Amino acid sequence: MDNSKIFDQKYDRCMSQLKEIDFSDRADILGGGYKNNSLSFDFFNRRLVVTKGGISDIDNKDVTFAIKFLLCQYVLLCPEQLPEISNKLVTFREFKNSGALFSNFTSNTNKIIETSFSGNIEKLEKQCLKLGGIIMGTNSYDICIRFKALPRIPIILNFNDRDDLMPAKASFLYHGDAEKYLDLECLSITSTYLTGQLIN
């Protein structure tokens, strides 16, 4: 079964659970908007709306089942109260029990960025800015960009271009509290989606 069908089924199950949820008490915790029994969230450079009937883009752009599933989970897994904000930055691998997903995560994110933008850091910067990325000052990397996958899920992309001694190197970082809002599968979707948008 291909991934789209898998996420289609997961999305259907999530929507059944979503119908039992009171949206109004989750908006503030998740950093979203609440109006007319619907929630709205910024997802990178898009605005997505969650209702009891489904998930849509306010600009009528297509929303894949993987992203619909991600938004459902963001609402369903909402903490009972706003967790303490963590400023600690961690790699995907540092999250507990990430081992089984780590290899696929790296193949679908870091390695693709490295091969796609090696020797072309200007293009990477341009693509990042188009997706709402904010350039951050750093002496450790050639470029460091901060994105907001969702209101409570910032992502940092660090990139060092190739040189005479080393190949290009990319890494994605999350804040340590990200796993309080999303499970590992959904966290991996955020960086996989970002990677896909950057290379398109």
Protein backbone atom coordinates (compact mmCIF):
# COMPACT_ATOMS: atom_id res chain seq x y z
CA MET A 1 0.00 0.00 0.00
CA ASP A 2 1.43 3.41 -0.95
CA ASN A 3 1.88 6.19 1.57
CA SER A 4 -1.04 8.28 0.31
CA LYS A 5 -3.50 5.45 0.98
CA ILE A 6 -1.97 4.78 4.38
CA PHE A 7 -2.37 8.42 5.40
CA ASP A 8 -5.86 8.48 3.88
CA GLN A 9 -6.89 5.71 6.27
CA LYS A 10 -5.16 7.33 9.24
CA TYR A 11 -6.82 10.64 8.43
CA ASP A 12 -10.26 9.02 8.35
CA ARG A 13 -9.69 7.50 11.79
CA CYS A 14 -8.47 10.83 13.15
CA MET A 15 -11.48 12.69 11.79
CA SER A 16 -13.78 10.30 13.64
CA GLN A 17 -12.02 11.20 16.89
CA LEU A 18 -11.94 14.90 16.03
CA LYS A 19 -15.74 15.05 16.01
CA GLU A 20 -15.72 14.41 19.77
CA ILE A 21 -13.28 17.25 20.53
CA ASP A 22 -14.12 20.71 21.88
CA PHE A 23 -12.04 23.01 19.68
CA SER A 24 -12.54 26.15 21.76
CA ASP A 25 -10.34 25.08 24.67
CA ARG A 26 -7.44 24.02 22.43
CA ALA A 27 -6.89 27.12 20.30
CA ASP A 28 -4.79 29.04 22.83
CA ILE A 29 -2.71 26.04 23.84
CA LEU A 30 -1.92 25.22 20.20
CA GLY A 31 -1.41 28.83 19.15
CA GLY A 32 -4.23 28.76 16.62
CA GLY A 33 -7.24 30.86 15.80
CA TYR A 34 -10.80 29.86 16.74
CA LYS A 35 -13.88 31.05 14.88
CA ASN A 36 -17.22 29.52 13.93
CA ASN A 37 -16.37 26.15 15.50
CA SER A 38 -13.17 25.84 13.46
CA LEU A 39 -9.46 26.11 14.19
CA SER A 40 -6.93 27.77 11.92
CA PHE A 41 -3.16 27.39 11.95
CA ASP A 42 -0.20 28.77 10.07
CA PHE A 43 1.62 25.85 8.46
CA PHE A 44 4.88 27.24 7.11
CA ASN A 45 3.69 29.83 4.55
CA ARG A 46 0.12 28.48 4.38
CA ARG A 47 -3.02 28.93 6.47
CA LEU A 48 -4.95 25.73 7.13
CA VAL A 49 -8.41 25.39 8.64
CA VAL A 50 -9.58 22.46 10.75
CA THR A 51 -13.30 21.76 11.08
CA LYS A 52 -15.28 18.74 12.22
CA GLY A 53 -15.86 18.01 8.54
CA GLY A 54 -12.29 18.18 7.28
CA ILE A 55 -9.13 20.18 6.71
CA SER A 56 -8.61 22.76 3.98
CA ASP A 57 -6.30 25.53 2.78
CA ILE A 58 -7.76 29.05 2.87
CA ASP A 59 -6.32 29.64 -0.62
CA ASN A 60 -7.93 26.43 -1.89
CA LYS A 61 -4.57 24.76 -2.51
CA ASP A 62 -4.41 20.99 -2.31
CA VAL A 63 -3.70 19.50 1.11
CA THR A 64 -2.19 16.02 1.06
CA PHE A 65 -3.52 13.31 3.34
CA ALA A 66 -0.18 13.32 5.20
CA ILE A 67 -0.63 17.00 6.09
CA LYS A 68 -4.30 16.49 6.95
CA PHE A 69 -3.27 13.65 9.26
CA LEU A 70 -0.59 15.87 10.78
CA LEU A 71 -3.08 18.67 11.53
CA CYS A 72 -5.56 16.20 13.02
CA GLN A 73 -2.88 14.86 15.32
CA TYR A 74 -1.82 18.35 16.32
CA VAL A 75 -5.34 18.95 17.59
CA LEU A 76 -5.92 15.49 19.06
CA LEU A 77 -2.60 15.37 20.93
CA CYS A 78 -3.04 18.85 22.40
CA PRO A 79 -1.70 18.99 26.00
CA GLU A 80 -4.21 19.76 28.74
CA GLN A 81 -2.30 22.96 29.51
CA LEU A 82 0.46 24.93 27.82
CA PRO A 83 3.75 23.15 28.57
CA GLU A 84 6.81 25.03 29.72
CA ILE A 85 8.64 26.31 26.65
CA SER A 86 11.93 24.56 25.98
CA ASN A 87 14.76 26.50 24.35
CA LYS A 88 16.88 23.38 24.07
CA LEU A 89 17.44 22.41 20.43
CA VAL A 90 17.57 18.71 19.60
CA THR A 91 17.97 16.59 16.51
CA PHE A 92 15.28 14.10 15.56
CA ARG A 93 17.57 11.33 16.75
CA GLU A 94 17.60 12.76 20.28
CA PHE A 95 13.88 12.24 20.76
CA LYS A 96 13.05 9.15 22.79
CA ASN A 97 12.33 6.02 20.71
CA SER A 98 13.25 7.70 17.43
CA GLY A 99 15.62 4.92 16.36
CA ALA A 100 13.18 3.06 14.12
CA LEU A 101 12.32 6.23 12.18
CA PHE A 102 15.74 7.90 12.15
CA SER A 103 17.15 6.25 9.02
CA ASN A 104 14.11 7.17 6.92
CA PHE A 105 14.09 10.66 8.41
CA THR A 106 17.70 11.27 7.39
CA SER A 107 17.18 9.84 3.89
CA ASN A 108 14.08 11.98 3.33
CA THR A 109 15.49 15.22 4.74
CA ASN A 110 19.17 15.84 5.50
CA LYS A 111 20.61 13.86 2.60
CA ILE A 112 18.22 15.38 0.07
CA ILE A 113 19.09 18.92 1.17
CA GLU A 114 22.80 18.10 1.02
CA THR A 115 22.68 16.70 -2.52
CA SER A 116 20.20 19.27 -3.85
CA PHE A 117 21.96 22.41 -2.61
CA SER A 118 25.63 21.44 -2.50
CA GLY A 119 27.43 24.32 -4.20
CA ASN A 120 24.22 26.36 -4.47
CA ILE A 121 23.65 27.96 -1.09
CA GLU A 122 22.10 31.05 -2.72
CA LYS A 123 19.27 28.93 -4.11
CA LEU A 124 18.70 27.32 -0.71
CA GLU A 125 18.44 30.73 0.93
CA LYS A 126 15.98 31.93 -1.71
CA GLN A 127 13.79 28.84 -1.31
CA CYS A 128 13.83 29.14 2.48
CA LEU A 129 12.69 32.76 2.38
CA LYS A 130 9.81 31.85 0.05
CA LEU A 131 8.58 29.41 2.69
CA GLY A 132 8.63 32.01 5.44
CA GLY A 133 12.04 31.10 6.81
CA ILE A 134 13.93 33.64 8.90
CA ILE A 135 17.71 33.85 8.58
CA MET A 136 19.47 33.60 11.93
CA GLY A 137 22.97 34.79 12.73
CA THR A 138 25.50 32.03 13.39
CA ASN A 139 29.24 31.49 13.19
CA SER A 140 28.89 27.71 13.15
CA TYR A 141 27.09 27.28 9.82
CA ASP A 142 27.06 28.88 6.39
CA ILE A 143 23.34 29.40 6.78
CA CYS A 144 20.86 28.90 9.62
CA ILE A 145 17.14 29.30 8.92
CA ARG A 146 14.22 29.19 11.36
CA PHE A 147 10.79 28.04 10.18
CA LYS A 148 7.46 27.70 11.93
CA ALA A 149 5.98 24.39 10.87
CA LEU A 150 3.10 25.02 13.27
CA PRO A 151 2.65 27.67 15.98
CA ARG A 152 4.27 25.47 18.66
CA ILE A 153 6.64 23.60 16.33
CA PRO A 154 9.57 25.72 15.12
CA ILE A 155 12.22 24.00 12.99
CA ILE A 156 15.82 25.09 12.49
CA LEU A 157 17.67 24.13 9.30
CA ASN A 158 21.46 24.34 9.54
CA PHE A 159 23.54 24.00 6.39
CA ASN A 160 27.24 24.01 5.65
CA ASP A 161 28.14 24.04 1.97
CA ARG A 162 30.82 21.79 0.54
CA ASP A 163 34.43 22.91 0.55
CA ASP A 164 37.77 21.44 -0.46
CA LEU A 165 37.79 19.11 2.52
CA MET A 166 34.18 18.35 3.43
CA PRO A 167 30.92 17.59 1.60
CA ALA A 168 27.78 19.64 2.22
CA LYS A 169 26.11 18.95 5.56
CA ALA A 170 22.52 19.67 6.61
CA SER A 171 20.69 19.13 9.88
CA PHE A 172 17.20 19.83 11.21
CA LEU A 173 16.65 20.84 14.82
CA TYR A 174 13.50 20.96 16.93
CA HIS A 175 12.81 22.52 20.29
CA GLY A 176 12.83 19.94 23.05
CA ASP A 177 9.12 20.41 23.82
CA ALA A 178 8.02 19.52 20.26
CA GLU A 179 7.22 15.94 21.27
CA LYS A 180 4.63 17.27 23.72
CA TYR A 181 2.56 18.42 20.74
CA LEU A 182 3.23 15.79 18.08
CA ASP A 183 4.38 12.20 17.95
CA LEU A 184 7.56 11.23 16.11
CA GLU A 185 5.79 10.21 12.94
CA CYS A 186 4.20 13.63 12.63
CA LEU A 187 7.40 15.46 13.55
CA SER A 188 9.13 13.63 10.72
CA ILE A 189 6.35 14.72 8.36
CA THR A 190 7.08 18.39 9.13
CA SER A 191 10.70 18.17 7.98
CA THR A 192 9.89 15.86 5.08
CA TYR A 193 7.28 18.34 3.84
CA LEU A 194 9.72 21.23 4.27
CA THR A 195 12.40 19.36 2.33
CA GLY A 196 9.98 18.64 -0.50
CA GLN A 197 8.97 22.28 -0.73
CA LEU A 198 12.58 23.47 -0.73
CA ILE A 199 13.61 21.29 -3.68
CA ASN A 200 10.52 22.04 -5.77
